[in-house]
């Protein structure tokens, strides 16, 4: 390592958190969204599709910083 303290999460931490979010957080979010939509009276299919598409995009926005650069090589590795 370079020994410099960079602000934010390290590359390894971002990789681990992205796996946790994808393998645990996303299924929990999907179950929660389907449960809430089923509590309501079923809307028309086009409206239900729009709701699922919008919520499918919205879940990732708060975690954008975690997923940024995860697919690339470790920048700290020599």
N, C-alpha and C. Protein backbone atom coordinates (compact mmCIF):
# COMPACT_ATOMS: atom_id res chain seq x y z
N UNK A 1 0.82 -1.19 0.00
CA UNK A 1 0.00 0.00 0.00
C UNK A 1 0.86 1.24 0.00
N UNK A 2 0.27 2.32 -0.39
CA UNK A 2 1.03 3.56 -0.49
C UNK A 2 1.17 4.27 0.86
N UNK A 3 0.34 3.91 1.84
CA UNK A 3 0.43 4.53 3.15
C UNK A 3 -0.33 5.84 3.26
N UNK A 4 -0.91 6.30 2.17
CA UNK A 4 -1.68 7.53 2.19
C UNK A 4 -3.09 7.24 2.70
N UNK A 5 -3.62 8.13 3.51
CA UNK A 5 -4.98 7.97 3.98
C UNK A 5 -5.91 8.70 3.00
N UNK A 6 -6.67 7.90 2.28
CA UNK A 6 -7.61 8.47 1.31
C UNK A 6 -8.98 8.57 1.98
N UNK A 7 -9.73 9.61 1.67
CA UNK A 7 -11.08 9.70 2.23
C UNK A 7 -11.99 8.66 1.60
N UNK A 8 -12.93 8.16 2.36
CA UNK A 8 -13.89 7.20 1.85
C UNK A 8 -13.45 5.77 2.08
N UNK A 9 -14.18 4.86 1.47
CA UNK A 9 -13.92 3.43 1.63
C UNK A 9 -12.77 2.98 0.75
N UNK A 10 -12.05 1.99 1.22
CA UNK A 10 -10.98 1.42 0.40
C UNK A 10 -11.61 0.57 -0.70
N UNK A 11 -10.79 0.17 -1.64
CA UNK A 11 -11.27 -0.64 -2.76
C UNK A 11 -11.84 -1.97 -2.26
N UNK A 12 -11.12 -2.63 -1.34
CA UNK A 12 -11.60 -3.92 -0.81
C UNK A 12 -12.90 -3.75 -0.04
N UNK A 13 -13.01 -2.69 0.72
CA UNK A 13 -14.24 -2.44 1.46
C UNK A 13 -15.41 -2.19 0.52
N UNK A 14 -15.16 -1.42 -0.54
CA UNK A 14 -16.23 -1.19 -1.54
C UNK A 14 -16.66 -2.49 -2.20
N UNK A 15 -15.70 -3.36 -2.52
CA UNK A 15 -16.05 -4.66 -3.13
C UNK A 15 -16.89 -5.50 -2.18
N UNK A 16 -16.49 -5.54 -0.92
CA UNK A 16 -17.25 -6.33 0.05
C UNK A 16 -18.66 -5.77 0.26
N UNK A 17 -18.75 -4.46 0.42
CA UNK A 17 -20.06 -3.84 0.62
C UNK A 17 -20.95 -4.00 -0.62
N UNK A 18 -20.36 -3.94 -1.80
CA UNK A 18 -21.17 -4.14 -3.01
C UNK A 18 -21.73 -5.56 -3.07
N UNK A 19 -20.94 -6.55 -2.65
CA UNK A 19 -21.45 -7.93 -2.60
C UNK A 19 -22.57 -8.07 -1.58
N UNK A 20 -22.39 -7.46 -0.41
CA UNK A 20 -23.44 -7.52 0.61
C UNK A 20 -24.72 -6.87 0.10
N UNK A 21 -24.57 -5.72 -0.53
CA UNK A 21 -25.76 -5.03 -1.06
C UNK A 21 -26.46 -5.83 -2.14
N UNK A 22 -25.69 -6.47 -3.02
CA UNK A 22 -26.30 -7.23 -4.10
C UNK A 22 -26.87 -8.56 -3.65
N UNK A 23 -26.20 -9.25 -2.72
CA UNK A 23 -26.64 -10.57 -2.31
C UNK A 23 -27.63 -10.57 -1.16
N UNK A 24 -27.62 -9.54 -0.34
CA UNK A 24 -28.53 -9.47 0.80
C UNK A 24 -29.51 -8.31 0.65
N UNK A 25 -28.98 -7.13 0.40
CA UNK A 25 -29.83 -5.94 0.37
C UNK A 25 -30.83 -5.92 -0.77
N UNK A 26 -30.40 -6.30 -1.95
CA UNK A 26 -31.32 -6.27 -3.10
C UNK A 26 -32.48 -7.24 -2.95
N UNK A 27 -32.26 -8.52 -2.55
CA UNK A 27 -33.42 -9.40 -2.34
C UNK A 27 -34.37 -8.90 -1.25
N UNK A 28 -33.82 -8.35 -0.18
CA UNK A 28 -34.68 -7.80 0.89
C UNK A 28 -35.49 -6.63 0.35
N UNK A 29 -34.86 -5.78 -0.44
CA UNK A 29 -35.57 -4.64 -1.03
C UNK A 29 -36.67 -5.11 -1.99
N UNK A 30 -36.37 -6.13 -2.78
CA UNK A 30 -37.37 -6.65 -3.72
C UNK A 30 -38.58 -7.19 -2.97
N UNK A 31 -38.35 -7.98 -1.93
CA UNK A 31 -39.45 -8.53 -1.14
C UNK A 31 -40.26 -7.41 -0.51
N UNK A 32 -39.59 -6.39 0.01
CA UNK A 32 -40.29 -5.26 0.63
C UNK A 32 -41.15 -4.51 -0.38
N UNK A 33 -40.61 -4.27 -1.56
CA UNK A 33 -41.37 -3.54 -2.59
C UNK A 33 -42.58 -4.34 -3.05
N UNK A 34 -42.39 -5.62 -3.30
CA UNK A 34 -43.51 -6.46 -3.76
C UNK A 34 -44.58 -6.55 -2.67
N UNK A 35 -44.16 -6.64 -1.42
CA UNK A 35 -45.13 -6.69 -0.31
C UNK A 35 -45.93 -5.40 -0.23
N UNK A 36 -45.27 -4.27 -0.33
CA UNK A 36 -45.98 -2.99 -0.24
C UNK A 36 -46.92 -2.80 -1.43
N UNK A 37 -46.48 -3.16 -2.62
CA UNK A 37 -47.35 -3.02 -3.80
C UNK A 37 -48.54 -3.97 -3.70
N UNK A 38 -48.35 -5.15 -3.12
CA UNK A 38 -49.46 -6.09 -2.99
C UNK A 38 -50.46 -5.66 -1.92
N UNK A 39 -50.03 -4.86 -0.93
CA UNK A 39 -50.96 -4.34 0.06
C UNK A 39 -51.96 -3.40 -0.58
N UNK A 40 -51.52 -2.68 -1.58
CA UNK A 40 -52.40 -1.75 -2.30
C UNK A 40 -53.25 -2.56 -3.27
N UNK A 41 -54.35 -1.97 -3.68
CA UNK A 41 -55.12 -2.63 -4.74
C UNK A 41 -54.25 -2.67 -5.98
N UNK A 42 -54.32 -3.77 -6.71
CA UNK A 42 -53.44 -3.94 -7.86
C UNK A 42 -53.77 -2.89 -8.93
N UNK A 43 -52.77 -2.07 -9.27
CA UNK A 43 -53.00 -1.04 -10.29
C UNK A 43 -52.97 -1.67 -11.69
N UNK A 44 -53.29 -0.89 -12.71
CA UNK A 44 -53.16 -1.41 -14.08
C UNK A 44 -51.73 -1.87 -14.34
N UNK A 45 -51.58 -2.83 -15.23
CA UNK A 45 -50.28 -3.46 -15.47
C UNK A 45 -49.22 -2.44 -15.91
N UNK A 46 -49.59 -1.47 -16.72
CA UNK A 46 -48.61 -0.48 -17.18
C UNK A 46 -48.12 0.39 -16.03
N UNK A 47 -49.03 0.74 -15.09
CA UNK A 47 -48.64 1.53 -13.94
C UNK A 47 -47.78 0.71 -12.97
N UNK A 48 -48.13 -0.55 -12.81
CA UNK A 48 -47.34 -1.44 -11.96
C UNK A 48 -45.93 -1.61 -12.53
N UNK A 49 -45.82 -1.74 -13.84
CA UNK A 49 -44.52 -1.86 -14.48
C UNK A 49 -43.69 -0.59 -14.28
N UNK A 50 -44.30 0.57 -14.42
CA UNK A 50 -43.60 1.83 -14.19
C UNK A 50 -43.11 1.96 -12.74
N UNK A 51 -43.96 1.53 -11.79
CA UNK A 51 -43.57 1.59 -10.38
C UNK A 51 -42.37 0.69 -10.14
N UNK A 52 -42.39 -0.54 -10.65
CA UNK A 52 -41.27 -1.46 -10.45
C UNK A 52 -40.00 -0.97 -11.14
N UNK A 53 -40.13 -0.38 -12.32
CA UNK A 53 -38.95 0.16 -13.00
C UNK A 53 -38.34 1.33 -12.21
N UNK A 54 -39.19 2.23 -11.74
CA UNK A 54 -38.69 3.38 -10.97
C UNK A 54 -38.04 2.92 -9.67
N UNK A 55 -38.67 2.01 -8.96
CA UNK A 55 -38.10 1.54 -7.70
C UNK A 55 -36.87 0.68 -7.93
N UNK A 56 -36.79 0.03 -9.08
CA UNK A 56 -35.60 -0.75 -9.41
C UNK A 56 -34.38 0.12 -9.65
N UNK A 57 -34.59 1.33 -10.10
CA UNK A 57 -33.49 2.27 -10.30
C UNK A 57 -33.18 3.01 -9.00
N UNK A 58 -34.20 3.36 -8.25
CA UNK A 58 -34.02 4.15 -7.03
C UNK A 58 -33.22 3.45 -5.95
N UNK A 59 -33.26 2.12 -5.89
CA UNK A 59 -32.55 1.44 -4.81
C UNK A 59 -31.03 1.62 -4.92
N UNK A 60 -30.52 1.79 -6.12
CA UNK A 60 -29.07 1.86 -6.30
C UNK A 60 -28.52 3.28 -6.14
N UNK A 61 -29.33 4.29 -6.24
CA UNK A 61 -28.83 5.67 -6.18
C UNK A 61 -28.10 6.00 -4.88
N UNK A 62 -28.61 5.61 -3.71
CA UNK A 62 -27.86 5.95 -2.49
C UNK A 62 -26.52 5.21 -2.38
N UNK A 63 -26.37 4.10 -3.10
CA UNK A 63 -25.17 3.28 -3.00
C UNK A 63 -24.23 3.45 -4.19
N UNK A 64 -24.43 4.51 -4.94
CA UNK A 64 -23.63 4.75 -6.13
C UNK A 64 -22.14 4.81 -5.80
N UNK A 65 -21.79 5.41 -4.67
CA UNK A 65 -20.38 5.54 -4.31
C UNK A 65 -19.75 4.18 -4.00
N UNK A 66 -20.56 3.21 -3.56
CA UNK A 66 -20.03 1.88 -3.26
C UNK A 66 -19.70 1.13 -4.55
N UNK A 67 -20.55 1.26 -5.55
CA UNK A 67 -20.37 0.51 -6.79
C UNK A 67 -19.37 1.16 -7.75
N UNK A 68 -19.02 2.41 -7.53
CA UNK A 68 -18.15 3.13 -8.45
C UNK A 68 -16.75 2.50 -8.46
N UNK A 69 -16.31 2.03 -9.61
CA UNK A 69 -14.96 1.51 -9.78
C UNK A 69 -14.73 0.10 -9.27
N UNK A 70 -15.77 -0.61 -8.86
CA UNK A 70 -15.60 -1.95 -8.30
C UNK A 70 -15.17 -2.95 -9.37
N UNK A 71 -15.58 -2.78 -10.59
CA UNK A 71 -15.24 -3.73 -11.65
C UNK A 71 -13.84 -3.55 -12.21
N UNK A 72 -13.15 -2.52 -11.79
CA UNK A 72 -11.80 -2.25 -12.29
C UNK A 72 -10.77 -2.89 -11.36
N UNK A 73 -9.53 -2.87 -11.79
CA UNK A 73 -8.45 -3.40 -10.95
C UNK A 73 -8.26 -2.52 -9.72
N UNK A 74 -7.68 -3.13 -8.68
CA UNK A 74 -7.41 -2.41 -7.45
C UNK A 74 -6.41 -1.30 -7.70
N UNK A 75 -6.77 -0.04 -7.49
CA UNK A 75 -5.84 1.06 -7.77
C UNK A 75 -4.67 1.11 -6.78
N UNK A 76 -4.81 0.49 -5.61
CA UNK A 76 -3.75 0.52 -4.60
C UNK A 76 -2.73 -0.60 -4.82
N UNK A 77 -3.07 -1.56 -5.66
CA UNK A 77 -2.18 -2.69 -5.89
C UNK A 77 -1.07 -2.27 -6.85
N UNK A 78 0.14 -2.73 -6.57
CA UNK A 78 1.28 -2.33 -7.41
C UNK A 78 1.44 -3.27 -8.58
